[in-house]
Protein backbone atom coordinates (compact mmCIF):
# COMPACT_ATOMS: atom_id res chain seq x y z
CA MET A 1 26.76 21.68 -16.31
CA LYS A 2 23.73 20.34 -14.66
CA GLU A 3 21.52 22.37 -12.87
CA GLU A 4 19.77 21.28 -9.41
CA ALA A 5 16.12 20.97 -8.78
CA LEU A 6 16.45 20.27 -5.04
CA ARG A 7 19.24 20.45 -2.69
CA MET A 8 18.91 19.34 1.58
CA GLU A 9 22.23 20.09 2.91
CA ARG A 10 22.72 18.87 6.56
CA VAL A 11 19.31 19.66 7.33
CA THR A 12 18.19 19.02 10.69
CA TYR A 13 14.78 19.46 11.75
CA GLN A 14 12.59 19.42 14.84
CA GLU A 15 9.05 19.45 16.15
CA GLN A 16 8.14 20.12 19.62
CA GLY A 17 11.53 18.98 20.35
CA VAL A 18 11.93 15.70 18.92
CA THR A 19 14.25 15.45 16.25
CA LEU A 20 12.32 14.23 13.18
CA LEU A 21 15.66 14.94 10.77
CA GLU A 22 19.14 15.01 11.16
CA ASN A 23 21.99 15.68 9.19
CA PHE A 24 19.67 15.53 6.00
CA SER A 25 21.23 16.07 2.63
CA MET A 26 20.20 15.01 -0.28
CA THR A 27 20.63 16.46 -3.78
CA ILE A 28 18.37 15.59 -7.06
CA TRP A 29 19.34 17.36 -10.56
CA ALA A 30 17.06 18.58 -12.78
CA GLY A 31 15.48 15.97 -15.58
CA GLU A 32 16.21 13.21 -13.00
CA ILE A 33 14.18 10.42 -11.36
CA MET A 34 15.38 9.75 -7.98
CA GLY A 35 13.74 7.16 -5.42
CA LEU A 36 13.39 6.96 -2.21
CA VAL A 37 13.25 3.87 -0.16
CA PRO A 38 12.73 4.93 3.77
CA VAL A 39 13.47 1.71 5.87
CA ASN A 40 11.01 3.06 8.41
CA HIS A 41 8.30 6.07 7.71
CA TYR A 42 10.19 7.82 10.45
CA GLY A 43 10.87 11.56 9.26
CA LEU A 44 9.46 10.75 6.31
CA GLY A 45 5.91 12.99 6.33
CA ALA A 46 8.25 15.73 8.18
CA LEU A 47 10.73 15.60 4.95
CA ILE A 48 7.08 15.85 2.53
CA GLU A 49 6.05 18.77 5.17
CA LEU A 50 9.19 20.70 4.98
CA LEU A 51 9.56 20.49 1.34
CA LEU A 52 6.22 21.75 0.33
CA ARG A 53 6.60 24.54 3.31
CA ASN A 54 9.84 26.04 4.43
CA HIS A 55 9.11 26.07 8.15
CA PRO A 56 11.97 26.75 10.64
CA LEU A 57 15.20 24.32 10.23
CA HIS A 58 17.10 23.50 13.72
CA TYR A 59 20.18 24.11 11.31
CA GLY A 60 20.81 23.53 7.13
CA TYR A 61 19.93 24.93 4.16
CA VAL A 62 17.73 23.97 1.52
CA TYR A 63 17.54 25.01 -2.42
CA TYR A 64 15.15 24.88 -5.04
CA HIS A 65 15.24 25.43 -8.36
CA GLU A 66 18.76 26.85 -7.71
CA LYS A 67 17.62 29.35 -5.10
CA GLN A 68 18.28 29.40 -1.12
CA VAL A 69 14.18 29.03 0.02
CA ASN A 70 15.06 28.19 3.53
CA HIS A 71 17.88 29.01 6.53
CA TRP A 72 18.64 27.91 9.96
CA ARG A 73 18.75 31.21 10.66
CA TYR A 74 16.72 33.00 8.38
CA PRO A 75 13.16 31.25 7.64
CA LYS A 76 11.48 32.08 4.71
CA TYR A 77 7.94 30.54 5.15
CA GLY A 78 6.55 30.39 2.22
CA VAL A 79 5.27 27.91 -0.35
CA ASN A 80 7.55 26.01 -2.65
CA ARG A 81 5.68 24.90 -6.05
CA ILE A 82 6.04 21.28 -5.72
CA SER A 83 3.46 18.68 -6.12
CA VAL A 84 2.75 15.57 -4.18
CA ILE A 85 0.55 12.44 -5.71
CA LYS A 86 -0.04 9.64 -3.15
CA ASN A 87 -2.99 7.27 -2.78
CA LYS A 88 -5.47 9.80 -1.37
CA SER A 89 -6.03 11.99 -3.99
CA CYS A 90 -6.14 15.83 -3.79
CA LEU A 91 -8.30 16.26 -7.03
CA ALA A 92 -11.71 17.89 -6.55
CA GLY A 93 -13.94 14.65 -7.37
CA LYS A 94 -17.22 17.02 -8.32
CA LEU A 95 -15.45 18.76 -10.90
CA THR A 96 -14.44 17.80 -14.20
CA VAL A 97 -10.54 17.22 -15.65
CA THR A 98 -10.32 20.46 -16.85
CA ASP A 99 -11.71 21.78 -14.09
CA ASN A 100 -9.05 20.38 -11.85
CA ILE A 101 -5.72 21.21 -14.20
CA PHE A 102 -6.57 24.54 -14.65
CA VAL A 103 -8.97 26.40 -12.94
CA LEU A 104 -8.19 25.08 -9.36
CA ARG A 105 -3.91 26.10 -10.01
CA PRO A 106 -2.13 28.36 -8.80
CA GLY A 107 -2.10 31.80 -10.41
CA PHE A 108 -5.54 30.98 -12.54
CA LYS A 109 -7.31 34.48 -12.65
CA LYS A 110 -10.12 34.44 -14.88
CA HIS A 111 -13.39 35.46 -13.98
CA VAL A 112 -15.19 33.81 -16.28
CA ILE A 113 -14.49 29.92 -17.30
CA ARG A 114 -14.84 29.29 -21.03
CA GLN A 115 -14.68 25.36 -20.66
CA ARG A 116 -14.84 24.11 -24.48
CA LEU A 117 -11.26 27.10 -24.89
CA LEU A 118 -9.58 24.80 -21.52
CA GLU A 119 -10.59 21.34 -22.94
CA ARG A 120 -9.28 22.29 -26.05
CA GLN A 121 -5.73 23.57 -24.55
CA LEU A 122 -6.07 20.01 -22.19
CA GLN A 123 -5.36 18.37 -25.88
CA PRO A 124 -2.26 18.61 -26.49
CA PHE A 125 -0.90 17.42 -23.26
CA LEU A 126 -3.05 14.32 -23.43
CA LYS A 127 -1.78 13.70 -27.21
CA ASP A 128 1.61 14.38 -26.15
CA ILE A 129 1.80 11.47 -23.41
CA GLY A 130 -0.57 9.15 -25.61
CA ILE A 131 -3.55 9.25 -22.98
CA ARG A 132 -7.19 9.19 -23.65
CA ILE A 133 -9.28 10.83 -21.30
CA ARG A 134 -11.92 13.03 -21.34
CA ALA A 135 -11.55 16.19 -20.80
CA ASP A 136 -15.45 16.96 -19.24
CA GLU A 137 -15.12 13.96 -17.21
CA TYR A 138 -15.89 14.08 -13.74
CA VAL A 139 -12.88 12.91 -11.59
CA GLU A 140 -15.03 11.19 -9.10
CA ASN A 141 -15.26 8.81 -12.04
CA LEU A 142 -11.99 8.32 -13.19
CA THR A 143 -10.03 4.89 -12.65
CA ALA A 144 -6.80 5.40 -10.00
CA PHE A 145 -4.79 4.96 -13.12
CA GLU A 146 -6.17 8.08 -14.88
CA ARG A 147 -6.24 10.35 -11.56
CA LEU A 148 -3.08 9.84 -11.21
CA VAL A 149 -2.35 11.15 -15.17
CA VAL A 150 -4.48 14.41 -14.01
CA GLU A 151 -2.12 15.24 -10.77
CA ILE A 152 0.95 14.62 -13.52
CA LEU A 153 -0.56 17.03 -15.97
CA LYS A 154 -2.36 19.27 -13.05
CA ALA A 155 1.65 19.62 -11.70
CA VAL A 156 3.01 19.97 -15.34
CA VAL A 157 0.12 22.81 -16.05
CA ALA A 158 1.06 24.55 -12.86
CA GLY A 159 5.07 24.40 -13.50
CA CYS A 160 6.41 22.36 -11.07
CA TYR A 161 10.21 21.63 -11.03
CA LEU A 162 9.44 18.43 -8.84
CA VAL A 163 7.05 15.69 -7.82
CA ILE A 164 7.03 13.50 -5.37
CA LEU A 165 5.32 10.38 -6.08
CA GLU A 166 4.37 8.71 -2.47
CA ASP A 167 3.81 4.58 -2.72
CA ILE A 168 1.73 4.80 -5.83
CA GLY A 169 2.89 1.63 -7.21
CA THR A 170 0.45 0.16 -4.31
CA PHE A 171 -2.98 1.09 -5.89
CA VAL A 172 -2.60 0.82 -10.12
CA SER A 173 -1.32 -2.63 -11.66
CA ASP A 174 1.69 -3.59 -13.68
CA SER A 175 0.40 -2.61 -16.45
CA GLU A 176 -0.17 0.48 -15.71
CA LEU A 177 2.52 0.94 -13.55
CA ALA A 178 4.56 0.96 -16.80
CA LYS A 179 2.88 3.37 -18.48
CA LEU A 180 3.25 5.58 -15.68
CA HIS A 181 6.92 5.16 -15.83
CA GLU A 182 6.77 6.12 -19.49
CA ILE A 183 4.76 9.22 -18.73
CA LEU A 184 7.88 9.76 -15.91
CA ARG A 185 10.75 9.34 -18.13
CA HIS A 186 8.86 11.47 -20.97
CA TYR A 187 9.09 14.85 -18.51
CA ALA A 188 12.21 14.24 -17.09
CA ASP A 189 13.45 14.18 -20.74
CA GLN A 190 11.85 17.73 -20.84
CA GLY A 191 13.89 18.85 -17.83
CA MET A 192 11.13 18.02 -14.80
CA SER A 193 12.44 16.42 -11.61
CA PHE A 194 10.77 13.33 -9.81
CA LEU A 195 11.12 12.04 -6.27
CA TYR A 196 9.87 8.44 -6.65
CA ILE A 197 9.12 6.94 -2.61
CA ALA A 198 8.42 3.22 -2.76
CA ALA A 199 8.80 0.74 -0.24
CA HIS A 200 10.80 -2.09 -2.39
CA PHE A 201 13.82 -1.66 -4.24
CA GLU A 202 12.56 -3.90 -6.63
CA GLU A 203 9.72 -0.98 -7.87
CA VAL A 204 11.99 1.57 -7.98
CA ARG A 205 14.96 -0.19 -9.59
CA GLN A 206 12.64 0.11 -12.52
CA ILE A 207 12.65 3.77 -13.12
CA CYS A 208 14.98 5.34 -10.84
CA ASP A 209 18.52 7.09 -12.01
CA ARG A 210 19.68 6.84 -8.12
CA THR A 211 18.15 5.47 -5.20
CA ALA A 212 18.93 7.00 -1.19
CA LEU A 213 17.53 5.24 1.18
CA MET A 214 16.29 6.48 4.48
CA MET A 215 16.55 5.05 8.23
CA ASN A 216 15.66 6.96 11.44
CA GLY A 217 15.49 10.57 9.38
CA ARG A 218 18.65 9.95 7.71
CA ILE A 219 19.95 9.21 4.26
CA THR A 220 22.65 6.34 5.01
CA LYS A 221 23.49 5.21 1.04
CA ILE A 222 22.79 5.80 -1.92
CA PHE A 223 23.14 3.45 -5.02
CA GLN A 224 23.66 4.13 -8.76
CA ALA A 225 21.57 2.56 -11.09
CA SER A 226 24.46 0.35 -12.07
CA ASP A 227 25.05 -0.53 -8.71
CA GLU A 228 24.55 -4.15 -7.77
CA ILE A 229 21.43 -4.40 -4.98
CA PRO A 230 23.00 -6.68 -2.37
CA ASP A 231 20.17 -9.54 -1.60
CA THR A 232 20.31 -8.86 1.95
CA LEU A 233 20.47 -5.08 3.25
CA SER A 234 23.13 -4.46 5.79
CA PHE A 235 20.37 -3.23 8.54
CA GLU A 236 18.86 -4.65 11.57
CA CYS A 237 15.05 -4.47 10.35
CA THR A 238 15.61 -5.28 6.84
CA GLU A 239 17.73 -8.44 7.67
CA ASP A 240 14.65 -9.01 10.32
CA PHE A 241 12.25 -8.82 8.34
CA GLU A 242 14.11 -10.92 5.63
CA ARG A 243 14.73 -13.66 8.10
CA HIS A 244 10.51 -13.44 8.93
CA VAL A 245 9.78 -14.05 5.28
CA ARG A 246 12.15 -17.00 4.35
CA GLU A 247 11.25 -18.42 7.67
CA GLN A 248 7.26 -18.03 6.64
CA ILE A 249 8.97 -19.80 3.21
CA GLU A 250 10.29 -22.54 4.83
CA LYS A 251 6.78 -23.30 7.54
CA ARG A 252 4.13 -22.61 5.45
CA PRO A 253 1.73 -25.87 5.55
CA ASP A 254 1.04 -27.43 1.94
CA ALA A 255 -2.47 -26.53 0.60
CA SER A 256 -3.11 -30.01 -0.66
CA LYS A 257 -3.14 -31.29 2.36
CA LEU A 258 -5.56 -29.02 4.10
CA PRO A 259 -8.82 -30.42 1.74
CA THR A 260 -11.69 -28.79 3.87
CA ALA A 261 -12.65 -25.67 1.82
CA ALA A 262 -13.49 -22.78 4.40
CA PHE A 263 -15.34 -20.64 1.43
CA GLU A 264 -15.73 -21.44 -2.13
CA ILE A 265 -16.73 -19.53 -5.20
CA ARG A 266 -17.82 -21.18 -8.74
CA HIS A 267 -18.25 -19.30 -12.04
CA LEU A 268 -19.00 -15.78 -9.90
CA CYS A 269 -20.38 -13.22 -12.39
CA TYR A 270 -21.45 -9.75 -11.45
CA GLY A 271 -19.82 -6.28 -12.47
CA ASN A 272 -16.75 -6.78 -14.07
CA ILE A 273 -16.22 -9.84 -12.22
CA HIS A 274 -16.83 -13.04 -15.69
CA ASP A 275 -16.74 -17.06 -14.63
CA LEU A 276 -14.67 -16.23 -11.36
CA ASN A 277 -13.65 -19.72 -9.32
CA LEU A 278 -12.28 -19.00 -5.65
CA ARG A 279 -11.56 -21.55 -3.21
CA VAL A 280 -9.50 -21.52 -0.22
CA THR A 281 -8.77 -24.20 2.36
CA GLN A 282 -9.32 -24.09 6.71
CA GLY A 283 -5.75 -22.22 7.96
CA GLU A 284 -4.73 -21.36 3.76
CA CYS A 285 -3.34 -17.76 2.81
CA LEU A 286 -4.43 -17.08 -0.85
CA VAL A 287 -3.60 -14.12 -2.34
CA VAL A 288 -5.72 -12.47 -5.21
CA GLN A 289 -3.88 -9.58 -7.43
CA ASP A 290 -6.52 -7.78 -9.24
CA MET A 291 -3.26 -6.54 -12.15
CA SER A 292 -6.53 -3.86 -13.83
CA GLY A 293 -7.41 -2.48 -10.41
CA SER A 294 -10.97 -2.79 -11.19
CA LEU A 295 -12.14 -6.13 -9.82
CA PHE A 296 -12.13 -5.49 -6.34
CA GLN A 297 -14.66 -2.45 -6.00
CA ASP A 298 -17.29 -5.08 -7.24
CA PHE A 299 -16.32 -7.92 -5.22
CA LEU A 300 -16.30 -6.02 -2.09
CA CYS A 301 -19.21 -4.37 -3.00
CA LEU A 302 -20.52 -7.78 -4.02
CA LEU A 303 -19.74 -9.47 -0.21
CA PRO A 304 -20.55 -6.94 2.37
CA LYS A 305 -23.70 -5.84 1.44
CA GLY A 306 -25.60 -9.19 1.66
CA LYS A 307 -26.02 -9.91 -1.60
CA LEU A 308 -23.69 -12.74 -1.56
CA LYS A 309 -26.57 -14.54 -0.34
CA ARG A 310 -28.35 -14.65 -3.48
CA THR A 311 -25.25 -15.28 -5.74
CA GLU A 312 -25.70 -18.87 -6.45
CA GLY A 313 -22.72 -21.16 -6.14
CA VAL A 314 -21.10 -19.40 -3.22
CA LEU A 315 -20.34 -22.03 -0.26
CA ILE A 316 -18.88 -21.16 3.03
CA ASP A 317 -17.68 -24.51 4.88
CA GLY A 318 -19.27 -26.45 2.38
CA MET A 319 -23.03 -25.40 2.59
CA PRO A 320 -24.27 -22.79 0.50
CA CYS A 321 -23.80 -18.96 1.97
CA GLY A 322 -27.62 -18.54 3.06
CA ARG A 323 -27.42 -21.05 4.82
CA ALA A 324 -23.95 -20.30 6.73
CA LYS A 325 -23.62 -19.01 10.48
CA ARG A 326 -23.41 -15.39 10.61
CA HIS A 327 -20.30 -13.80 10.93
CA SER A 328 -19.00 -16.13 9.43
CA VAL A 329 -17.31 -14.14 6.94
CA ALA A 330 -14.85 -11.10 8.12
CA PHE A 331 -12.96 -8.21 6.08
CA ILE A 332 -10.02 -6.18 7.51
CA GLN A 333 -10.25 -2.96 5.33
CA GLU A 334 -7.11 -1.14 4.02
CA SER A 335 -5.90 1.53 6.25
CA PRO A 336 -8.25 -1.12 8.84
CA VAL A 337 -6.62 1.48 11.65
CA LYS A 338 -8.88 4.74 9.95
CA SER A 339 -11.45 2.79 9.04
CA MET A 340 -12.66 0.09 11.06
CA LEU A 341 -12.26 1.32 15.14
CA PHE A 342 -14.83 3.75 16.85
CA PRO A 343 -13.30 6.61 18.80
CA ASP A 344 -16.63 7.30 20.43
CA MET A 345 -16.59 3.86 21.56
CA SER A 346 -14.44 2.44 24.56
CA TYR A 347 -11.26 -0.31 24.19
CA MET A 348 -13.42 -3.19 25.47
CA GLU A 349 -16.53 -2.18 23.58
CA ASN A 350 -14.53 -2.29 20.19
CA LEU A 351 -12.96 -5.04 20.93
CA CYS A 352 -16.23 -7.13 21.31
CA PHE A 353 -18.04 -5.22 18.54
CA THR A 354 -18.20 -8.37 16.40
CA MET A 355 -18.67 -11.27 19.13
CA ASP A 356 -22.17 -10.26 20.14
CA HIS A 357 -23.48 -13.72 17.92
CA LYS A 358 -21.40 -15.98 20.39
CA LEU A 359 -22.14 -13.80 23.66
CA PRO A 360 -25.27 -11.87 23.29
CA PHE A 361 -25.07 -10.50 26.64
CA VAL A 362 -21.46 -9.41 26.23
CA TRP A 363 -22.33 -5.90 26.32
CA LEU A 364 -24.43 -5.97 29.32
CA ASN A 365 -22.08 -8.46 31.54
CA LYS A 366 -19.37 -6.92 33.19
CA ARG A 367 -18.00 -10.21 34.25
CA ILE A 368 -17.79 -11.58 30.89
CA GLN A 369 -16.12 -8.41 30.38
CA ASN A 370 -13.48 -9.08 32.81
CA GLY A 371 -12.79 -12.47 31.74
CA ILE A 372 -12.25 -11.08 28.01
CA ARG A 373 -10.00 -8.27 29.61
CA LYS A 374 -7.88 -11.16 32.22
CA GLU A 375 -7.62 -13.40 28.78
CA PHE A 376 -6.56 -11.20 26.45
CA GLU A 377 -4.00 -8.32 28.51
CA GLN A 378 -0.82 -10.53 28.36
CA VAL A 379 -1.04 -10.39 24.78
CA LEU A 380 -2.83 -6.74 24.28
CA GLY A 381 -1.27 -5.22 27.19
CA LYS A 382 -2.76 -4.33 30.29
CA GLU A 383 -3.12 -0.72 29.74
CA VAL A 384 -4.56 -0.34 26.65
CA PHE A 385 -8.08 -1.50 28.13
CA ASP A 386 -7.98 1.77 30.24
CA MET A 387 -7.09 4.03 27.08
CA ARG A 388 -9.12 6.17 24.63
CA VAL A 389 -8.62 4.59 20.63
CA GLU A 390 -7.37 7.51 19.09
CA LYS A 391 -4.56 7.59 21.87
CA LEU A 392 -3.60 4.04 21.21
CA SER A 393 0.06 3.81 19.02
CA LYS A 394 -0.97 2.37 15.37
CA THR A 395 0.37 -1.58 16.39
CA GLN A 396 -2.00 -1.27 19.57
CA LYS A 397 -4.79 -0.25 16.96
CA TYR A 398 -3.78 -3.14 14.87
CA ASP A 399 -4.26 -5.83 17.40
CA LEU A 400 -7.13 -4.35 18.87
CA ILE A 401 -8.75 -5.03 14.84
CA TYR A 402 -7.22 -8.37 14.43
CA THR A 403 -8.12 -9.73 17.86
CA ARG A 404 -11.56 -8.49 17.33
CA ILE A 405 -11.99 -10.78 13.95
CA LEU A 406 -9.87 -13.43 16.27
CA LEU A 407 -12.54 -13.30 18.88
CA GLN A 408 -15.35 -13.35 15.68
CA ASN A 409 -13.70 -16.11 15.03
CA PRO A 410 -14.86 -16.55 11.28
CA LYS A 411 -14.01 -19.35 8.58
CA VAL A 412 -12.65 -16.60 5.81
CA VAL A 413 -11.17 -13.14 6.46
CA PHE A 414 -10.74 -11.07 3.41
CA CYS A 415 -7.82 -8.75 3.70
CA VAL A 416 -7.65 -5.74 1.42
CA ALA A 417 -4.04 -4.56 0.90
CA PRO A 418 -2.88 -5.07 4.02
CA PHE A 419 0.60 -3.90 3.96
CA LYS A 420 -0.27 -0.90 2.21
CA GLY A 421 1.27 2.36 2.98
CA ALA A 422 3.10 0.13 6.48
CA GLU A 423 7.17 0.63 7.63
CA VAL A 424 8.94 -2.80 7.94
CA SER A 425 9.05 -2.84 11.45
CA LEU A 426 4.79 -2.65 11.38
CA ARG A 427 4.57 -5.00 8.41
CA ILE A 428 6.88 -7.52 10.97
CA HIS A 429 3.85 -6.96 12.89
CA ILE A 430 0.40 -7.62 10.44
CA MET A 431 2.44 -10.14 9.26
CA LYS A 432 2.49 -12.10 12.95
CA LEU A 433 -1.43 -10.95 13.05
CA ILE A 434 -2.33 -12.57 9.88
CA GLU A 435 0.09 -15.52 10.88
CA THR A 436 -2.47 -15.60 14.47
CA LEU A 437 -5.50 -16.25 12.58
CA LEU A 438 -3.71 -18.90 10.16
CA GLU A 439 -2.51 -21.16 13.03
CA LYS A 440 -6.59 -20.68 14.10
CA LYS A 441 -7.36 -22.40 10.96
CA ILE A 442 -8.28 -19.46 9.57
CA ALA A 443 -8.91 -18.83 6.10
CA VAL A 444 -7.36 -15.87 4.99
CA VAL A 445 -8.07 -14.17 1.03
CA ILE A 446 -5.43 -11.26 0.76
CA LEU A 447 -6.82 -8.96 -1.75
CA THR A 448 -3.82 -6.79 -3.64
CA VAL A 449 -3.00 -4.68 -6.75
CA ASN A 450 0.50 -4.96 -5.90
CA LEU A 451 2.34 -8.47 -4.47
CA ALA A 452 4.85 -6.09 -2.13
CA ASP A 453 4.96 -8.61 1.64
CA SER A 454 1.53 -10.50 0.58
CA LEU A 455 4.02 -13.51 -1.08
CA ALA A 456 5.75 -14.82 1.67
CA LEU A 457 2.10 -15.71 3.36
CA ALA A 458 0.99 -17.24 0.58
CA GLU A 459 -0.02 -20.43 -0.03
CA ARG A 460 -1.36 -19.61 -3.92
CA VAL A 461 -1.74 -16.41 -6.06
CA ILE A 462 -4.30 -16.04 -8.33
CA CYS A 463 -3.49 -13.33 -10.98
CA ILE A 464 -6.39 -11.67 -12.74
CA ARG A 465 -4.83 -10.09 -16.20
CA GLU A 466 -6.51 -6.82 -17.52
CA ASN A 467 -8.55 -8.70 -20.16
CA GLY A 468 -10.30 -11.18 -17.21
CA GLU A 469 -7.29 -13.87 -18.14
CA ILE A 470 -7.19 -15.79 -14.93
CA GLN A 471 -3.83 -17.11 -14.20
CA SER A 472 -2.96 -19.68 -10.71
CA TYR A 473 0.83 -20.08 -8.90
CA ASN A 474 1.56 -22.38 -6.38
CA LYS A 475 3.79 -22.44 -3.66
CA GLU A 476 6.69 -24.12 -6.06
CA ASN A 477 6.26 -21.47 -8.97
CA PHE A 478 6.70 -18.58 -6.75
CA GLY A 479 9.55 -18.26 -8.65
CA LYS A 480 8.23 -17.75 -12.17
CA LEU A 481 6.34 -14.56 -11.02
CA PRO A 482 7.48 -11.18 -13.29
CA VAL A 483 10.82 -10.11 -11.75
CA THR A 484 9.78 -6.88 -9.70
CA THR A 485 8.61 -9.39 -7.24
CA PRO A 486 9.59 -8.59 -4.41
CA TRP A 487 11.70 -11.04 -1.89
CA LEU A 488 11.37 -13.36 -5.49
CA TYR A 489 14.87 -14.19 -5.06
CA LEU A 490 14.04 -16.25 -1.46
CA TYR A 491 11.32 -17.96 -3.87
CA ARG A 492 14.11 -18.84 -6.66
CA GLU A 493 16.67 -19.52 -3.53
CA LYS A 494 14.20 -22.14 -2.47
CA ASN A 495 13.42 -23.71 -6.07
CA ARG A 496 17.13 -24.35 -6.65
CA PHE A 497 17.86 -26.28 -3.44
CA SER A 498 15.03 -28.23 -3.71
CA GLN A 499 15.99 -29.21 -7.40
CA THR A 500 19.40 -29.77 -6.10
CA ALA A 501 17.87 -32.11 -3.36
CA ASP A 502 16.10 -34.03 -5.75
CA SER A 503 18.78 -34.66 -8.32
CA ASP A 504 20.85 -35.63 -5.02
CA THR A 505 18.08 -38.13 -4.33
CA VAL A 506 18.00 -39.68 -7.90
CA LEU A 507 22.03 -40.25 -7.89
CA GLU A 508 21.70 -41.70 -4.95
């Protein structure tokens, strides 16, 4: 008889009178890797928090490891031994691997830490999964994949029956993700259970036994591994997203018809980057996929710190970068709402932060500021100019960041994983904001580990593999990308239609 790792039965959960989970039912069996695809993120944070800590329920029951841990009438107020692994690591960076796995685990009561003994105890776990990591290495020096492995081992040693993995495919390469899937399957065979949360069915279908579709705080459908998943799911938001992707495939211009290079790198060597050639034209979107996950740190370190000026073979708008105009290159960082806004500054000050090179007196001249406000309040909304930045919605914050870049008017914009962690509706909005930059003939370079939704905007894709090999795909070759690429069937469908049309022309 199957054992249950987790069962949520008709759970309704509210915070401050707002229903975040409604009639939520889900069962995860022992030894199962259960997929969860949230169409939107409504209620997702509440679900994870509820599994970790038994907050009072409005209605329903929660069972963990076949024991009732929460009841709508009699809340337990306890903490469940469940591990959550996401992009932001929960490990202590200043401590070693063994310290994180053994010393920081619940129930560790030794007064004297015998480091050598702990290192010897770790070796069987690493050998069991075929991974080599130095036990005395500090966590801050590990790669993203190695940190994921350490967090999984920490959950194993702590005796967690369930591990929640949230969007892990967005920050590790394809090959590392395949290794990680092997590790998950290894521990699933030993009875551990996993809740695998990802934005696309293409990812969860690689590893999950069953996949649940979550929308507006409810489970709407559960797919078995053998079920045929339709290309278009019958939900309004996903239909809108697919329609938008399809429109982008059809309307994006051919990069070969845009000969003027906005940004060019010739034979760049820096850190782990060896002989990189990169050229992007005005109004073109180029997606650079780092399949090793190790190059972007060097690339981003090189560009913003001024080292680019001393690098030969870098051209901006056809000129050496040392002679290019100030603010010719712009950056939109990963999770920009957390890293690119200044809460202590007003909305107008945030908006005009990078345009003082065009209007030197923008900080002092109220007439200029009023002109900017009148010009953009139809797009951004009248109310936002009088709001504090931290009170803005996530969509309004993205509008502020991308409009700031638009006012800067650079030649090229580097976007780091722009769709990472965004729900479907927000992904559509970000896509439209990037389209606005492209329509203004601003070149956009998207730096990403996982192609995800960037493919819909791209004219070209450059894949940098683990061995340094560089492979380039034009739009007509997108159908040759790996089968796990989201929305790939749209490109293959387009190529089929194009080939049919070509053959009809020949017959005529």
